[in-house]
């Protein structure tokens, strides 16, 4: 969540630093698009994590069910508790691994989006600089004409 907030702040700062003729509406629209894309990535990551947690819960329940229904004439409560404990630890470990994987994928996606935005910003800054220099040269020639009169 901190990465997402940081990415949005950085993206907002990059967009605000542009020196081109974009209107406030265009900048706000682009920021809105970036925020929506980040929100979609976070929603996808949350959905993925939820699916993995549900799958891990189902596996743990299945393991518990199979351990509890194992055909046996004598049931050793200590053995059953130990088996259930081991199954729960395995399920928790699997869920933790999937959460880590989902967080890493989300971070990679946000980093990629940030790099693309930086590239876009650099390209737009270059074109804005070229238009500013041509405008400055026409202003100086206008000033020269005024002085010649």
Protein backbone atom coordinates (compact mmCIF):
# COMPACT_ATOMS: atom_id res chain seq x y z
CA UNK A 1 0.00 0.00 0.00
CA UNK A 2 2.93 2.33 0.77
CA UNK A 3 4.43 1.55 -2.63
CA UNK A 4 1.16 2.43 -4.34
CA UNK A 5 0.86 5.71 -2.44
CA UNK A 6 4.49 6.55 -3.19
CA UNK A 7 3.99 5.73 -6.88
CA UNK A 8 0.93 7.98 -7.08
CA UNK A 9 2.79 10.85 -5.37
CA UNK A 10 5.80 10.44 -7.66
CA UNK A 11 3.59 10.26 -10.72
CA UNK A 12 1.72 13.36 -9.59
CA UNK A 13 5.01 15.20 -9.04
CA UNK A 14 6.29 14.22 -12.48
CA UNK A 15 3.12 15.38 -14.13
CA UNK A 16 3.18 18.68 -12.20
CA UNK A 17 6.80 19.36 -13.25
CA UNK A 18 6.03 19.26 -16.96
CA UNK A 19 6.80 22.51 -18.80
CA UNK A 20 4.43 22.06 -21.76
CA UNK A 21 1.16 23.66 -22.80
CA UNK A 22 -1.06 20.95 -21.29
CA UNK A 23 -4.18 22.25 -19.63
CA UNK A 24 -5.01 21.47 -16.04
CA UNK A 25 -7.77 19.21 -17.29
CA UNK A 26 -5.32 17.15 -19.36
CA UNK A 27 -2.95 16.77 -16.42
CA UNK A 28 -5.82 15.83 -14.11
CA UNK A 29 -7.09 13.36 -16.68
CA UNK A 30 -3.68 11.73 -17.01
CA UNK A 31 -3.28 11.56 -13.24
CA UNK A 32 -6.74 10.03 -13.03
CA UNK A 33 -5.76 7.43 -15.64
CA UNK A 34 -2.60 6.57 -13.70
CA UNK A 35 -4.54 6.32 -10.45
CA UNK A 36 -7.10 4.06 -12.09
CA UNK A 37 -4.38 1.82 -13.50
CA UNK A 38 -2.71 1.58 -10.10
CA UNK A 39 -6.08 0.83 -8.51
CA UNK A 40 -6.74 -1.91 -11.04
CA UNK A 41 -3.33 -3.48 -10.34
CA UNK A 42 -4.04 -3.39 -6.61
CA UNK A 43 -7.49 -4.92 -7.18
CA UNK A 44 -5.91 -7.67 -9.29
CA UNK A 45 -3.32 -8.34 -6.60
CA UNK A 46 -5.98 -8.44 -3.88
CA UNK A 47 -8.07 -10.81 -5.97
CA UNK A 48 -5.07 -13.05 -6.56
CA UNK A 49 -4.23 -13.09 -2.85
CA UNK A 50 -7.86 -13.87 -2.01
CA UNK A 51 -7.91 -16.76 -4.45
CA UNK A 52 -4.68 -18.16 -3.03
CA UNK A 53 -5.91 -17.84 0.54
CA UNK A 54 -9.17 -19.59 -0.40
CA UNK A 55 -7.22 -22.37 -2.13
CA UNK A 56 -4.98 -22.77 0.91
CA UNK A 57 -8.01 -22.88 3.22
CA UNK A 58 -9.62 -25.52 1.02
CA UNK A 59 -6.42 -27.59 1.02
CA UNK A 60 -6.16 -27.31 4.80
CA UNK A 61 -9.79 -28.31 5.22
CA UNK A 62 -9.30 -31.24 2.87
CA UNK A 63 -6.22 -32.28 4.82
CA UNK A 64 -8.13 -32.02 8.08
CA UNK A 65 -11.05 -33.97 6.64
CA UNK A 66 -8.79 -36.69 5.30
CA UNK A 67 -6.89 -36.87 8.60
CA UNK A 68 -10.10 -37.03 10.60
CA UNK A 69 -11.75 -39.63 8.35
CA UNK A 70 -8.76 -41.94 7.94
CA UNK A 71 -10.00 -45.50 8.42
CA UNK A 72 -8.67 -46.57 11.74
CA UNK A 73 -10.03 -48.58 14.58
CA UNK A 74 -8.07 -46.72 17.20
CA UNK A 75 -7.55 -43.01 17.07
CA UNK A 76 -4.66 -41.56 18.97
CA UNK A 77 -5.71 -37.99 19.92
CA UNK A 78 -2.09 -36.84 20.22
CA UNK A 79 -1.29 -38.15 16.74
CA UNK A 80 -4.41 -36.56 15.28
CA UNK A 81 -3.63 -33.21 16.91
CA UNK A 82 -0.04 -33.39 15.70
CA UNK A 83 -1.15 -34.18 12.15
CA UNK A 84 -3.71 -31.38 12.18
CA UNK A 85 -1.10 -28.99 13.54
CA UNK A 86 1.35 -29.98 10.78
CA UNK A 87 -1.36 -29.53 8.14
CA UNK A 88 -2.26 -26.10 9.45
CA UNK A 89 1.38 -25.05 9.49
CA UNK A 90 1.76 -26.24 5.91
CA UNK A 91 -1.33 -24.31 4.84
CA UNK A 92 -0.16 -21.17 6.64
CA UNK A 93 3.25 -21.46 5.03
CA UNK A 94 1.68 -21.86 1.58
CA UNK A 95 -0.59 -18.86 2.16
CA UNK A 96 2.36 -16.77 3.33
CA UNK A 97 4.38 -17.73 0.25
CA UNK A 98 1.49 -16.78 -2.03
CA UNK A 99 1.04 -13.44 -0.26
CA UNK A 100 4.74 -12.70 -0.74
CA UNK A 101 4.51 -13.65 -4.41
CA UNK A 102 1.47 -11.42 -4.93
CA UNK A 103 3.18 -8.49 -3.19
CA UNK A 104 6.29 -8.92 -5.34
CA UNK A 105 4.22 -9.04 -8.53
CA UNK A 106 2.32 -5.93 -7.49
CA UNK A 107 5.57 -4.10 -6.72
CA UNK A 108 7.02 -5.08 -10.10
CA UNK A 109 3.90 -3.84 -11.86
CA UNK A 110 4.04 -0.50 -10.07
CA UNK A 111 7.75 -0.12 -10.82
CA UNK A 112 7.09 -0.79 -14.51
CA UNK A 113 4.25 1.74 -14.54
CA UNK A 114 6.52 4.30 -12.86
CA UNK A 115 9.29 3.78 -15.40
CA UNK A 116 6.85 4.13 -18.28
CA UNK A 117 5.48 7.34 -16.81
CA UNK A 118 9.00 8.71 -16.36
CA UNK A 119 9.80 7.90 -19.99
CA UNK A 120 6.61 9.56 -21.12
CA UNK A 121 7.36 12.60 -18.98
CA UNK A 122 10.91 12.85 -20.33
CA UNK A 123 9.63 12.67 -23.91
CA UNK A 124 7.05 15.38 -23.28
CA UNK A 125 9.57 17.56 -21.46
CA UNK A 126 11.87 17.35 -24.50
CA UNK A 127 9.14 18.42 -26.91
CA UNK A 128 8.06 21.21 -24.55
CA UNK A 129 11.64 22.51 -24.42
CA UNK A 130 11.86 22.61 -28.22
CA UNK A 131 8.61 24.60 -28.52
CA UNK A 132 9.74 26.99 -25.77
CA UNK A 133 13.07 27.71 -27.53
CA UNK A 134 11.36 28.39 -30.88
CA UNK A 135 8.91 30.70 -29.13
CA UNK A 136 11.79 32.51 -27.38
CA UNK A 137 13.63 33.08 -30.66
CA UNK A 138 10.52 34.55 -32.30
CA UNK A 139 10.05 36.84 -29.26
CA UNK A 140 13.63 38.12 -29.53
CA UNK A 141 13.25 38.81 -33.28
CA UNK A 142 10.03 40.74 -32.53
CA UNK A 143 11.89 42.78 -29.93
CA UNK A 144 14.68 43.50 -32.44
CA UNK A 145 12.11 44.73 -35.00
CA UNK A 146 10.58 47.04 -32.38
CA UNK A 147 14.01 48.50 -31.55
CA UNK A 148 14.81 49.04 -35.24
CA UNK A 149 11.73 51.22 -35.68
